[in-house]
Amino acid sequence: MISIKKPQNRTEAANTIFKLLKEFWGDCVSVKIFTNSTGIDFETREKPFTIDYSMRTINGNWLPRKDGDT
């Protein structure tokens, strides 16, 4: 089990959720996280992760991760 600390920014929060979902479902899942004023929702799809890609999407397309992205 991974330890959880309070996230310092949005990227850390999303990465924590991502790690928890990956630990539960395994490596063959894609995760989409939605947030709004009422809370957090997520969608999972079974497919391989792409290493070094961000969780952020625009029109459903994966965007490359940028160093220092917050």
PDB file of N, CA and C in Angstrom:
ATOM      1  N   MET A   1       0.841  -1.174   0.000  1.00  0.00           N
ATOM      2  CA  MET A   1       0.000   0.000   0.000  1.00  0.00           C
ATOM      3  C   MET A   1       0.888   1.240   0.000  1.00  0.00           C
ATOM      4  N   ILE A   2       0.533   2.231  -0.796  1.00  0.00           N
ATOM      5  CA  ILE A   2       1.318   3.462  -0.831  1.00  0.00           C
ATOM      6  C   ILE A   2       0.856   4.402   0.275  1.00  0.00           C
ATOM      7  N   SER A   3       1.772   5.194   0.798  1.00  0.00           N
ATOM      8  CA  SER A   3       1.401   6.174   1.814  1.00  0.00           C
ATOM      9  C   SER A   3       0.901   7.435   1.118  1.00  0.00           C
ATOM     10  N   ILE A   4      -0.016   8.125   1.768  1.00  0.00           N
ATOM     11  CA  ILE A   4      -0.622   9.319   1.177  1.00  0.00           C
ATOM     12  C   ILE A   4      -0.298  10.516   2.056  1.00  0.00           C
ATOM     13  N   LYS A   5       0.205  11.575   1.431  1.00  0.00           N
ATOM     14  CA  LYS A   5       0.427  12.836   2.133  1.00  0.00           C
ATOM     15  C   LYS A   5      -0.438  13.902   1.468  1.00  0.00           C
ATOM     16  N   LYS A   6      -0.657  14.997   2.166  1.00  0.00           N
ATOM     17  CA  LYS A   6      -1.476  16.072   1.615  1.00  0.00           C
ATOM     18  C   LYS A   6      -0.784  16.667   0.391  1.00  0.00           C
ATOM     19  N   PRO A   7      -1.482  16.710  -0.762  1.00  0.00           N
ATOM     20  CA  PRO A   7      -0.881  17.280  -1.974  1.00  0.00           C
ATOM     21  C   PRO A   7      -0.657  18.786  -1.830  1.00  0.00           C
ATOM     22  N   GLN A   8       0.416  19.277  -2.452  1.00  0.00           N
ATOM     23  CA  GLN A   8       0.748  20.700  -2.405  1.00  0.00           C
ATOM     24  C   GLN A   8       0.166  21.485  -3.579  1.00  0.00           C
ATOM     25  N   ASN A   9      -0.265  20.777  -4.640  1.00  0.00           N
ATOM     26  CA  ASN A   9      -0.836  21.453  -5.801  1.00  0.00           C
ATOM     27  C   ASN A   9      -1.739  20.479  -6.555  1.00  0.00           C
ATOM     28  N   ARG A  10      -2.359  20.943  -7.609  1.00  0.00           N
ATOM     29  CA  ARG A  10      -3.299  20.119  -8.378  1.00  0.00           C
ATOM     30  C   ARG A  10      -2.628  18.913  -9.023  1.00  0.00           C
ATOM     31  N   THR A  11      -1.414  19.102  -9.509  1.00  0.00           N
ATOM     32  CA  THR A  11      -0.713  17.993 -10.155  1.00  0.00           C
ATOM     33  C   THR A  11      -0.438  16.876  -9.159  1.00  0.00           C
ATOM     34  N   GLU A  12       0.031  17.229  -7.963  1.00  0.00           N
ATOM     35  CA  GLU A  12       0.271  16.213  -6.933  1.00  0.00           C
ATOM     36  C   GLU A  12      -1.025  15.505  -6.550  1.00  0.00           C
ATOM     37  N   ALA A  13      -2.123  16.244  -6.456  1.00  0.00           N
ATOM     38  CA  ALA A  13      -3.415  15.639  -6.116  1.00  0.00           C
ATOM     39  C   ALA A  13      -3.845  14.645  -7.191  1.00  0.00           C
ATOM     40  N   ALA A  14      -3.742  15.045  -8.454  1.00  0.00           N
ATOM     41  CA  ALA A  14      -4.120  14.156  -9.556  1.00  0.00           C
ATOM     42  C   ALA A  14      -3.206  12.935  -9.604  1.00  0.00           C
ATOM     43  N   ASN A  15      -1.908  13.131  -9.377  1.00  0.00           N
ATOM     44  CA  ASN A  15      -0.973  12.004  -9.382  1.00  0.00           C
ATOM     45  C   ASN A  15      -1.265  11.023  -8.252  1.00  0.00           C
ATOM     46  N   THR A  16      -1.671  11.523  -7.080  1.00  0.00           N
ATOM     47  CA  THR A  16      -2.025  10.649  -5.963  1.00  0.00           C
ATOM     48  C   THR A  16      -3.233   9.795  -6.308  1.00  0.00           C
ATOM     49  N   ILE A  17      -4.269  10.415  -6.873  1.00  0.00           N
ATOM     50  CA  ILE A  17      -5.459   9.669  -7.294  1.00  0.00           C
ATOM     51  C   ILE A  17      -5.076   8.641  -8.346  1.00  0.00           C
ATOM     52  N   PHE A  18      -4.256   9.048  -9.299  1.00  0.00           N
ATOM     53  CA  PHE A  18      -3.801   8.169 -10.373  1.00  0.00           C
ATOM     54  C   PHE A  18      -3.064   6.945  -9.812  1.00  0.00           C
ATOM     55  N   LYS A  19      -2.151   7.160  -8.855  1.00  0.00           N
ATOM     56  CA  LYS A  19      -1.391   6.057  -8.258  1.00  0.00           C
ATOM     57  C   LYS A  19      -2.303   5.094  -7.507  1.00  0.00           C
ATOM     58  N   LEU A  20      -3.286   5.637  -6.774  1.00  0.00           N
ATOM     59  CA  LEU A  20      -4.223   4.776  -6.050  1.00  0.00           C
ATOM     60  C   LEU A  20      -5.041   3.919  -7.003  1.00  0.00           C
ATOM     61  N   LEU A  21      -5.544   4.526  -8.078  1.00  0.00           N
ATOM     62  CA  LEU A  21      -6.330   3.771  -9.054  1.00  0.00           C
ATOM     63  C   LEU A  21      -5.470   2.728  -9.753  1.00  0.00           C
ATOM     64  N   LYS A  22      -4.238   3.095 -10.089  1.00  0.00           N
ATOM     65  CA  LYS A  22      -3.328   2.153 -10.747  1.00  0.00           C
ATOM     66  C   LYS A  22      -3.024   0.974  -9.823  1.00  0.00           C
ATOM     67  N   GLU A  23      -2.830   1.256  -8.523  1.00  0.00           N
ATOM     68  CA  GLU A  23      -2.549   0.184  -7.569  1.00  0.00           C
ATOM     69  C   GLU A  23      -3.739  -0.772  -7.459  1.00  0.00           C
ATOM     70  N   PHE A  24      -4.942  -0.239  -7.483  1.00  0.00           N
ATOM     71  CA  PHE A  24      -6.141  -1.066  -7.353  1.00  0.00           C
ATOM     72  C   PHE A  24      -6.434  -1.860  -8.619  1.00  0.00           C
ATOM     73  N   TRP A  25      -6.393  -1.197  -9.795  1.00  0.00           N
ATOM     74  CA  TRP A  25      -6.766  -1.844 -11.052  1.00  0.00           C
ATOM     75  C   TRP A  25      -5.590  -2.472 -11.792  1.00  0.00           C
ATOM     76  N   GLY A  26      -4.361  -2.082 -11.474  1.00  0.00           N
ATOM     77  CA  GLY A  26      -3.198  -2.643 -12.158  1.00  0.00           C
ATOM     78  C   GLY A  26      -2.728  -1.769 -13.306  1.00  0.00           C
ATOM     79  N   ASP A  27      -1.758  -2.289 -14.052  1.00  0.00           N
ATOM     80  CA  ASP A  27      -1.112  -1.508 -15.104  1.00  0.00           C
ATOM     81  C   ASP A  27      -1.917  -1.382 -16.386  1.00  0.00           C
ATOM     82  N   CYS A  28      -2.948  -2.171 -16.553  1.00  0.00           N
ATOM     83  CA  CYS A  28      -3.695  -2.166 -17.823  1.00  0.00           C
ATOM     84  C   CYS A  28      -4.978  -1.362 -17.708  1.00  0.00           C
ATOM     85  N   VAL A  29      -4.871  -0.144 -17.221  1.00  0.00           N
ATOM     86  CA  VAL A  29      -6.050   0.711 -17.110  1.00  0.00           C
ATOM     87  C   VAL A  29      -5.664   2.144 -17.449  1.00  0.00           C
ATOM     88  N   SER A  30      -6.568   2.843 -18.106  1.00  0.00           N
ATOM     89  CA  SER A  30      -6.418   4.261 -18.392  1.00  0.00           C
ATOM     90  C   SER A  30      -7.379   5.000 -17.471  1.00  0.00           C
ATOM     91  N   VAL A  31      -6.955   6.119 -16.922  1.00  0.00           N
ATOM     92  CA  VAL A  31      -7.756   6.841 -15.935  1.00  0.00           C
ATOM     93  C   VAL A  31      -8.046   8.246 -16.435  1.00  0.00           C
ATOM     94  N   LYS A  32      -9.311   8.650 -16.343  1.00  0.00           N
ATOM     95  CA  LYS A  32      -9.710  10.024 -16.651  1.00  0.00           C
ATOM     96  C   LYS A  32     -10.344  10.585 -15.379  1.00  0.00           C
ATOM     97  N   ILE A  33      -9.835  11.719 -14.890  1.00  0.00           N
ATOM     98  CA  ILE A  33     -10.303  12.320 -13.643  1.00  0.00           C
ATOM     99  C   ILE A  33     -11.064  13.598 -13.957  1.00  0.00           C
ATOM    100  N   PHE A  34     -12.273  13.728 -13.384  1.00  0.00           N
ATOM    101  CA  PHE A  34     -13.109  14.914 -13.562  1.00  0.00           C
ATOM    102  C   PHE A  34     -13.288  15.589 -12.206  1.00  0.00           C
ATOM    103  N   THR A  35     -13.174  16.907 -12.169  1.00  0.00           N
ATOM    104  CA  THR A  35     -13.441  17.641 -10.935  1.00  0.00           C
ATOM    105  C   THR A  35     -14.381  18.797 -11.230  1.00  0.00           C
ATOM    106  N   ASN A  36     -15.223  19.098 -10.264  1.00  0.00           N
ATOM    107  CA  ASN A  36     -16.098  20.265 -10.351  1.00  0.00           C
ATOM    108  C   ASN A  36     -16.441  20.706  -8.937  1.00  0.00           C
ATOM    109  N   SER A  37     -17.365  21.624  -8.798  1.00  0.00           N
ATOM    110  CA  SER A  37     -17.684  22.176  -7.483  1.00  0.00           C
ATOM    111  C   SER A  37     -18.329  21.160  -6.546  1.00  0.00           C
ATOM    112  N   THR A  38     -18.862  20.062  -7.082  1.00  0.00           N
ATOM    113  CA  THR A  38     -19.521  19.065  -6.229  1.00  0.00           C
ATOM    114  C   THR A  38     -18.603  17.914  -5.839  1.00  0.00           C
ATOM    115  N   GLY A  39     -17.416  17.817  -6.421  1.00  0.00           N
ATOM    116  CA  GLY A  39     -16.497  16.756  -6.027  1.00  0.00           C
ATOM    117  C   GLY A  39     -15.649  16.229  -7.164  1.00  0.00           C
ATOM    118  N   ILE A  40     -15.148  15.011  -6.972  1.00  0.00           N
ATOM    119  CA  ILE A  40     -14.255  14.363  -7.932  1.00  0.00           C
ATOM    120  C   ILE A  40     -14.914  13.091  -8.438  1.00  0.00           C
ATOM    121  N   ASP A  41     -14.816  12.862  -9.732  1.00  0.00           N
ATOM    122  CA  ASP A  41     -15.304  11.630 -10.339  1.00  0.00           C
ATOM    123  C   ASP A  41     -14.194  11.111 -11.242  1.00  0.00           C
ATOM    124  N   PHE A  42     -14.172   9.828 -11.482  1.00  0.00           N
ATOM    125  CA  PHE A  42     -13.155   9.289 -12.373  1.00  0.00           C
ATOM    126  C   PHE A  42     -13.742   8.192 -13.239  1.00  0.00           C
ATOM    127  N   GLU A  43     -13.110   7.981 -14.368  1.00  0.00           N
ATOM    128  CA  GLU A  43     -13.508   6.943 -15.316  1.00  0.00           C
ATOM    129  C   GLU A  43     -12.274   6.106 -15.602  1.00  0.00           C
ATOM    130  N   THR A  44     -12.445   4.792 -15.627  1.00  0.00           N
ATOM    131  CA  THR A  44     -11.324   3.917 -15.955  1.00  0.00           C
ATOM    132  C   THR A  44     -11.655   3.096 -17.188  1.00  0.00           C
ATOM    133  N   ARG A  45     -10.656   2.839 -17.989  1.00  0.00           N
ATOM    134  CA  ARG A  45     -10.782   1.984 -19.169  1.00  0.00           C
ATOM    135  C   ARG A  45      -9.587   1.057 -19.194  1.00  0.00           C
ATOM    136  N   GLU A  46      -9.845  -0.195 -19.509  1.00  0.00           N
ATOM    137  CA  GLU A  46      -8.745  -1.152 -19.552  1.00  0.00           C
ATOM    138  C   GLU A  46      -7.959  -0.997 -20.846  1.00  0.00           C
ATOM    139  N   LYS A  47      -6.751  -0.479 -20.724  1.00  0.00           N
ATOM    140  CA  LYS A  47      -5.799  -0.388 -21.827  1.00  0.00           C
ATOM    141  C   LYS A  47      -4.445  -0.048 -21.224  1.00  0.00           C
ATOM    142  N   PRO A  48      -3.372  -0.335 -21.892  1.00  0.00           N
ATOM    143  CA  PRO A  48      -2.044  -0.108 -21.308  1.00  0.00           C
ATOM    144  C   PRO A  48      -1.766   1.373 -21.055  1.00  0.00           C
ATOM    145  N   PHE A  49      -1.027   1.644 -19.971  1.00  0.00           N
ATOM    146  CA  PHE A  49      -0.562   2.998 -19.713  1.00  0.00           C
ATOM    147  C   PHE A  49       0.485   3.385 -20.742  1.00  0.00           C
ATOM    148  N   THR A  50       0.571   4.654 -21.051  1.00  0.00           N
ATOM    149  CA  THR A  50       1.648   5.178 -21.876  1.00  0.00           C
ATOM    150  C   THR A  50       2.583   5.935 -20.940  1.00  0.00           C
ATOM    151  N   ILE A  51       3.805   5.483 -20.838  1.00  0.00           N
ATOM    152  CA  ILE A  51       4.760   6.082 -19.905  1.00  0.00           C
ATOM    153  C   ILE A  51       5.131   7.486 -20.368  1.00  0.00           C
ATOM    154  N   ASP A  52       5.334   8.390 -19.392  1.00  0.00           N
ATOM    155  CA  ASP A  52       5.730   9.780 -19.626  1.00  0.00           C
ATOM    156  C   ASP A  52       4.640  10.598 -20.300  1.00  0.00           C
ATOM    157  N   TYR A  53       3.392  10.238 -20.128  1.00  0.00           N
ATOM    158  CA  TYR A  53       2.303  11.056 -20.637  1.00  0.00           C
ATOM    159  C   TYR A  53       1.485  11.592 -19.478  1.00  0.00           C
ATOM    160  N   SER A  54       0.946  12.771 -19.645  1.00  0.00           N
ATOM    161  CA  SER A  54       0.162  13.437 -18.622  1.00  0.00           C
ATOM    162  C   SER A  54      -1.222  12.832 -18.527  1.00  0.00           C
ATOM    163  N   MET A  55      -1.878  13.048 -17.387  1.00  0.00           N
ATOM    164  CA  MET A  55      -3.265  12.625 -17.231  1.00  0.00           C
ATOM    165  C   MET A  55      -4.221  13.649 -17.827  1.00  0.00           C
ATOM    166  N   ARG A  56      -3.754  14.829 -18.098  1.00  0.00           N
ATOM    167  CA  ARG A  56      -4.630  15.865 -18.641  1.00  0.00           C
ATOM    168  C   ARG A  56      -4.990  15.552 -20.083  1.00  0.00           C
ATOM    169  N   THR A  57      -6.226  15.802 -20.442  1.00  0.00           N
ATOM    170  CA  THR A  57      -6.645  15.557 -21.816  1.00  0.00           C
ATOM    171  C   THR A  57      -7.383  16.765 -22.359  1.00  0.00           C
ATOM    172  N   ILE A  58      -7.287  16.972 -23.648  1.00  0.00           N
ATOM    173  CA  ILE A  58      -8.080  17.962 -24.365  1.00  0.00           C
ATOM    174  C   ILE A  58      -8.740  17.204 -25.496  1.00  0.00           C
ATOM    175  N   ASN A  59     -10.062  17.220 -25.539  1.00  0.00           N
ATOM    176  CA  ASN A  59     -10.819  16.474 -26.548  1.00  0.00           C
ATOM    177  C   ASN A  59     -10.461  14.992 -26.567  1.00  0.00           C
ATOM    178  N   GLY A  60     -10.114  14.446 -25.390  1.00  0.00           N
ATOM    179  CA  GLY A  60      -9.834  13.022 -25.282  1.00  0.00           C
ATOM    180  C   GLY A  60      -8.459  12.583 -25.729  1.00  0.00           C
ATOM    181  N   ASN A  61      -7.592  13.513 -26.136  1.00  0.00           N
ATOM    182  CA  ASN A  61      -6.244  13.154 -26.582  1.00  0.00           C
ATOM    183  C   ASN A  61      -5.254  13.321 -25.437  1.00  0.00           C
ATOM    184  N   TRP A  62      -4.329  12.364 -25.314  1.00  0.00           N
ATOM    185  CA  TRP A  62      -3.290  12.466 -24.291  1.00  0.00           C
ATOM    186  C   TRP A  62      -2.263  13.509 -24.714  1.00  0.00           C
ATOM    187  N   LEU A  63      -1.858  14.334 -23.763  1.00  0.00           N
ATOM    188  CA  LEU A  63      -0.843  15.354 -24.025  1.00  0.00           C
ATOM    189  C   LEU A  63       0.461  14.956 -23.354  1.00  0.00           C
ATOM    190  N   PRO A  64       1.609  15.200 -23.986  1.00  0.00           N
ATOM    191  CA  PRO A  64       2.887  14.856 -23.358  1.00  0.00           C
ATOM    192  C   PRO A  64       3.086  15.627 -22.057  1.00  0.00           C
ATOM    193  N   ARG A  65       3.668  14.960 -21.064  1.00  0.00           N
ATOM    194  CA  ARG A  65       3.967  15.599 -19.780  1.00  0.00           C
ATOM    195  C   ARG A  65       5.107  16.592 -19.974  1.00  0.00           C
ATOM    196  N   LYS A  66       4.999  17.737 -19.318  1.00  0.00           N
ATOM    197  CA  LYS A  66       6.053  18.743 -19.356  1.00  0.00           C
ATOM    198  C   LYS A  66       6.671  18.826 -17.976  1.00  0.00           C
ATOM    199  N   ASP A  67       7.993  18.915 -17.891  1.00  0.00           N
ATOM    200  CA  ASP A  67       8.662  19.040 -16.594  1.00  0.00           C
ATOM    201  C   ASP A  67       8.176  20.294 -15.893  1.00  0.00           C
ATOM    202  N   GLY A  68       7.879  20.180 -14.601  1.00  0.00           N
ATOM    203  CA  GLY A  68       7.396  21.317 -13.837  1.00  0.00           C
ATOM    204  C   GLY A  68       5.938  21.632 -14.062  1.00  0.00           C
ATOM    205  N   ASP A  69       5.184  20.776 -14.736  1.00  0.00           N
ATOM    206  CA  ASP A  69       3.764  20.991 -15.007  1.00  0.00           C
ATOM    207  C   ASP A  69       2.982  20.990 -13.704  1.00  0.00           C
ATOM    208  N   THR A  70       2.201  22.045 -13.469  1.00  0.00           N
ATOM    209  CA  THR A  70       1.395  22.111 -12.246  1.00  0.00           C
ATOM    210  C   THR A  70      -0.054  22.307 -12.554  1.00  0.00           C
TER     211      THR A  70
END
